Amino acid sequence: MAQISGVVENSKGEPVARTIRFYRRDTGAPLGNTISSADTGQYTFTTSYLEEVQVVMVNSIGSSIENDQIKRVIPA
């Protein structure tokens, strides 16, 4: 098993709660999701998939206007 973790911040550098979705980079198949902490912005996701993953941080409906964030990672 491996983990993907990080911190989600808004454009002001403040931590935010967001839905975080994880997809296989090679096929686009979903691996799962989690929610970042509203207090710290931190998230952790455990996976058995060990290749490159697309991490999509989705802006919540009803919150201030922010772009969704996307990054690529390899679970460690």
N, C-alpha and C. Protein backbone atom coordinates (compact mmCIF):
# COMPACT_ATOMS: atom_id res chain seq x y z
N MET A 1 0.83 -1.18 0.00
CA MET A 1 0.00 0.00 0.00
C MET A 1 0.88 1.25 0.00
N ALA A 2 0.35 2.31 -0.57
CA ALA A 2 1.06 3.58 -0.63
C ALA A 2 0.07 4.70 -0.32
N GLN A 3 0.62 5.88 -0.07
CA GLN A 3 -0.23 7.02 0.26
C GLN A 3 0.06 8.21 -0.63
N ILE A 4 -0.99 9.00 -0.81
CA ILE A 4 -0.88 10.30 -1.45
C ILE A 4 -1.38 11.29 -0.43
N SER A 5 -0.61 12.33 -0.17
CA SER A 5 -1.05 13.32 0.80
C SER A 5 -0.64 14.71 0.31
N GLY A 6 -1.30 15.69 0.87
CA GLY A 6 -1.00 17.06 0.50
C GLY A 6 -1.85 18.04 1.27
N VAL A 7 -1.77 19.29 0.86
CA VAL A 7 -2.52 20.37 1.49
C VAL A 7 -3.19 21.17 0.38
N VAL A 8 -4.47 21.50 0.57
CA VAL A 8 -5.21 22.31 -0.40
C VAL A 8 -5.38 23.71 0.17
N GLU A 9 -4.99 24.69 -0.63
CA GLU A 9 -5.13 26.09 -0.22
C GLU A 9 -5.85 26.87 -1.30
N ASN A 10 -6.53 27.94 -0.90
CA ASN A 10 -7.16 28.80 -1.90
C ASN A 10 -6.11 29.78 -2.43
N SER A 11 -6.54 30.70 -3.26
CA SER A 11 -5.60 31.64 -3.91
C SER A 11 -4.95 32.59 -2.92
N LYS A 12 -5.49 32.68 -1.71
CA LYS A 12 -4.91 33.53 -0.66
C LYS A 12 -3.95 32.75 0.24
N GLY A 13 -3.77 31.46 -0.06
CA GLY A 13 -2.88 30.62 0.76
C GLY A 13 -3.54 30.10 2.02
N GLU A 14 -4.86 30.18 2.09
CA GLU A 14 -5.60 29.71 3.26
C GLU A 14 -6.04 28.26 3.04
N PRO A 15 -5.98 27.42 4.10
CA PRO A 15 -6.43 26.03 3.94
C PRO A 15 -7.92 25.98 3.66
N VAL A 16 -8.33 25.02 2.83
CA VAL A 16 -9.75 24.87 2.48
C VAL A 16 -10.14 23.40 2.44
N ALA A 17 -11.42 23.15 2.70
CA ALA A 17 -11.98 21.81 2.54
C ALA A 17 -12.42 21.65 1.10
N ARG A 18 -11.95 20.60 0.46
CA ARG A 18 -12.33 20.29 -0.91
C ARG A 18 -12.48 18.79 -1.06
N THR A 19 -13.31 18.38 -1.99
CA THR A 19 -13.36 16.98 -2.38
C THR A 19 -12.14 16.71 -3.24
N ILE A 20 -11.40 15.67 -2.89
CA ILE A 20 -10.19 15.29 -3.63
C ILE A 20 -10.49 13.96 -4.31
N ARG A 21 -10.36 13.93 -5.64
CA ARG A 21 -10.62 12.71 -6.41
C ARG A 21 -9.32 12.22 -7.02
N PHE A 22 -9.16 10.90 -7.04
CA PHE A 22 -7.93 10.28 -7.52
C PHE A 22 -8.24 9.36 -8.69
N TYR A 23 -7.47 9.50 -9.78
CA TYR A 23 -7.68 8.73 -11.00
C TYR A 23 -6.36 8.15 -11.49
N ARG A 24 -6.42 6.95 -12.06
CA ARG A 24 -5.25 6.42 -12.74
C ARG A 24 -4.92 7.34 -13.88
N ARG A 25 -3.67 7.72 -14.02
CA ARG A 25 -3.25 8.63 -15.09
C ARG A 25 -3.31 7.95 -16.45
N ASP A 26 -3.00 6.65 -16.51
CA ASP A 26 -2.94 5.97 -17.80
C ASP A 26 -4.31 5.67 -18.41
N THR A 27 -5.32 5.40 -17.58
CA THR A 27 -6.63 5.02 -18.10
C THR A 27 -7.76 5.98 -17.71
N GLY A 28 -7.53 6.80 -16.69
CA GLY A 28 -8.58 7.68 -16.20
C GLY A 28 -9.53 7.00 -15.24
N ALA A 29 -9.30 5.73 -14.93
CA ALA A 29 -10.18 5.00 -14.02
C ALA A 29 -10.10 5.59 -12.62
N PRO A 30 -11.26 5.77 -11.97
CA PRO A 30 -11.26 6.34 -10.62
C PRO A 30 -10.66 5.37 -9.60
N LEU A 31 -9.91 5.92 -8.65
CA LEU A 31 -9.32 5.14 -7.57
C LEU A 31 -10.04 5.39 -6.25
N GLY A 32 -10.68 6.54 -6.12
CA GLY A 32 -11.39 6.87 -4.88
C GLY A 32 -11.37 8.36 -4.63
N ASN A 33 -11.82 8.74 -3.44
CA ASN A 33 -11.84 10.16 -3.09
C ASN A 33 -11.76 10.34 -1.60
N THR A 34 -11.51 11.58 -1.19
CA THR A 34 -11.48 11.96 0.21
C THR A 34 -11.81 13.45 0.28
N ILE A 35 -11.83 14.01 1.48
CA ILE A 35 -12.09 15.44 1.67
C ILE A 35 -10.96 16.02 2.49
N SER A 36 -10.45 17.17 2.08
CA SER A 36 -9.38 17.82 2.84
C SER A 36 -9.98 18.50 4.08
N SER A 37 -9.16 18.68 5.09
CA SER A 37 -9.58 19.31 6.34
C SER A 37 -9.83 20.80 6.14
N ALA A 38 -10.96 21.30 6.65
CA ALA A 38 -11.25 22.73 6.57
C ALA A 38 -10.27 23.55 7.40
N ASP A 39 -9.76 22.96 8.48
CA ASP A 39 -8.85 23.68 9.38
C ASP A 39 -7.42 23.75 8.86
N THR A 40 -6.95 22.65 8.25
CA THR A 40 -5.55 22.58 7.84
C THR A 40 -5.36 22.44 6.33
N GLY A 41 -6.41 22.03 5.60
CA GLY A 41 -6.31 21.77 4.18
C GLY A 41 -5.66 20.43 3.86
N GLN A 42 -5.27 19.67 4.87
CA GLN A 42 -4.55 18.41 4.65
C GLN A 42 -5.48 17.28 4.23
N TYR A 43 -4.93 16.39 3.40
CA TYR A 43 -5.64 15.17 3.02
C TYR A 43 -4.64 14.04 2.90
N THR A 44 -5.13 12.80 3.05
CA THR A 44 -4.33 11.60 2.86
C THR A 44 -5.23 10.55 2.21
N PHE A 45 -4.68 9.85 1.24
CA PHE A 45 -5.41 8.80 0.53
C PHE A 45 -4.50 7.58 0.42
N THR A 46 -4.99 6.42 0.81
CA THR A 46 -4.23 5.18 0.73
C THR A 46 -4.69 4.38 -0.48
N THR A 47 -3.72 3.86 -1.24
CA THR A 47 -4.03 3.11 -2.46
C THR A 47 -3.05 1.97 -2.66
N SER A 48 -3.51 0.95 -3.35
CA SER A 48 -2.60 -0.14 -3.73
C SER A 48 -2.01 0.11 -5.12
N TYR A 49 -2.52 1.12 -5.81
CA TYR A 49 -2.03 1.47 -7.15
C TYR A 49 -0.74 2.28 -6.99
N LEU A 50 0.34 1.88 -7.68
CA LEU A 50 1.65 2.48 -7.45
C LEU A 50 2.20 3.28 -8.62
N GLU A 51 1.37 3.49 -9.65
CA GLU A 51 1.80 4.27 -10.81
C GLU A 51 1.28 5.70 -10.69
N GLU A 52 1.53 6.50 -11.72
CA GLU A 52 1.16 7.92 -11.68
C GLU A 52 -0.35 8.11 -11.54
N VAL A 53 -0.72 9.04 -10.65
CA VAL A 53 -2.12 9.32 -10.32
C VAL A 53 -2.43 10.78 -10.61
N GLN A 54 -3.60 11.02 -11.15
CA GLN A 54 -4.11 12.39 -11.35
C GLN A 54 -4.94 12.73 -10.11
N VAL A 55 -4.59 13.82 -9.44
CA VAL A 55 -5.28 14.27 -8.24
C VAL A 55 -6.07 15.52 -8.60
N VAL A 56 -7.39 15.46 -8.42
CA VAL A 56 -8.26 16.58 -8.78
C VAL A 56 -8.91 17.11 -7.51
N MET A 57 -8.65 18.39 -7.21
CA MET A 57 -9.21 19.04 -6.04
C MET A 57 -10.37 19.90 -6.51
N VAL A 58 -11.59 19.47 -6.21
CA VAL A 58 -12.80 20.06 -6.76
C VAL A 58 -13.34 21.14 -5.83
N ASN A 59 -13.60 22.32 -6.38
CA ASN A 59 -14.17 23.42 -5.62
C ASN A 59 -15.59 23.08 -5.20
N SER A 60 -15.93 23.35 -3.95
CA SER A 60 -17.25 23.05 -3.43
C SER A 60 -18.30 24.01 -3.99
N ILE A 61 -19.48 23.51 -4.22
CA ILE A 61 -20.59 24.34 -4.67
C ILE A 61 -20.94 25.33 -3.56
N GLY A 62 -21.18 26.57 -3.92
CA GLY A 62 -21.57 27.58 -2.94
C GLY A 62 -20.41 28.29 -2.27
N SER A 63 -19.18 27.89 -2.56
CA SER A 63 -18.04 28.57 -1.96
C SER A 63 -17.59 29.70 -2.88
N SER A 64 -16.60 30.46 -2.43
CA SER A 64 -16.10 31.54 -3.26
C SER A 64 -15.53 30.97 -4.55
N ILE A 65 -15.48 31.79 -5.57
CA ILE A 65 -15.02 31.31 -6.88
C ILE A 65 -13.53 31.00 -6.82
N GLU A 66 -13.20 29.77 -7.09
CA GLU A 66 -11.82 29.29 -7.15
C GLU A 66 -11.74 28.29 -8.28
N ASN A 67 -10.64 28.22 -8.94
CA ASN A 67 -10.46 27.20 -9.96
C ASN A 67 -10.21 25.86 -9.30
N ASP A 68 -10.70 24.79 -9.95
CA ASP A 68 -10.35 23.45 -9.51
C ASP A 68 -8.84 23.29 -9.70
N GLN A 69 -8.23 22.46 -8.89
CA GLN A 69 -6.80 22.24 -8.99
C GLN A 69 -6.53 20.80 -9.40
N ILE A 70 -5.54 20.60 -10.25
CA ILE A 70 -5.18 19.28 -10.72
C ILE A 70 -3.67 19.12 -10.62
N LYS A 71 -3.22 17.96 -10.11
CA LYS A 71 -1.79 17.69 -10.12
C LYS A 71 -1.57 16.21 -10.35
N ARG A 72 -0.35 15.85 -10.75
CA ARG A 72 0.03 14.47 -10.97
C ARG A 72 1.03 14.06 -9.91
N VAL A 73 0.85 12.86 -9.34
CA VAL A 73 1.75 12.35 -8.32
C VAL A 73 1.96 10.85 -8.50
N ILE A 74 3.02 10.35 -7.89
CA ILE A 74 3.24 8.92 -7.80
C ILE A 74 3.14 8.56 -6.33
N PRO A 75 2.22 7.67 -5.95
CA PRO A 75 2.06 7.29 -4.55
C PRO A 75 3.36 6.77 -3.95
N ALA A 76 3.58 7.09 -2.69
CA ALA A 76 4.80 6.64 -2.01
C ALA A 76 4.44 5.93 -0.72
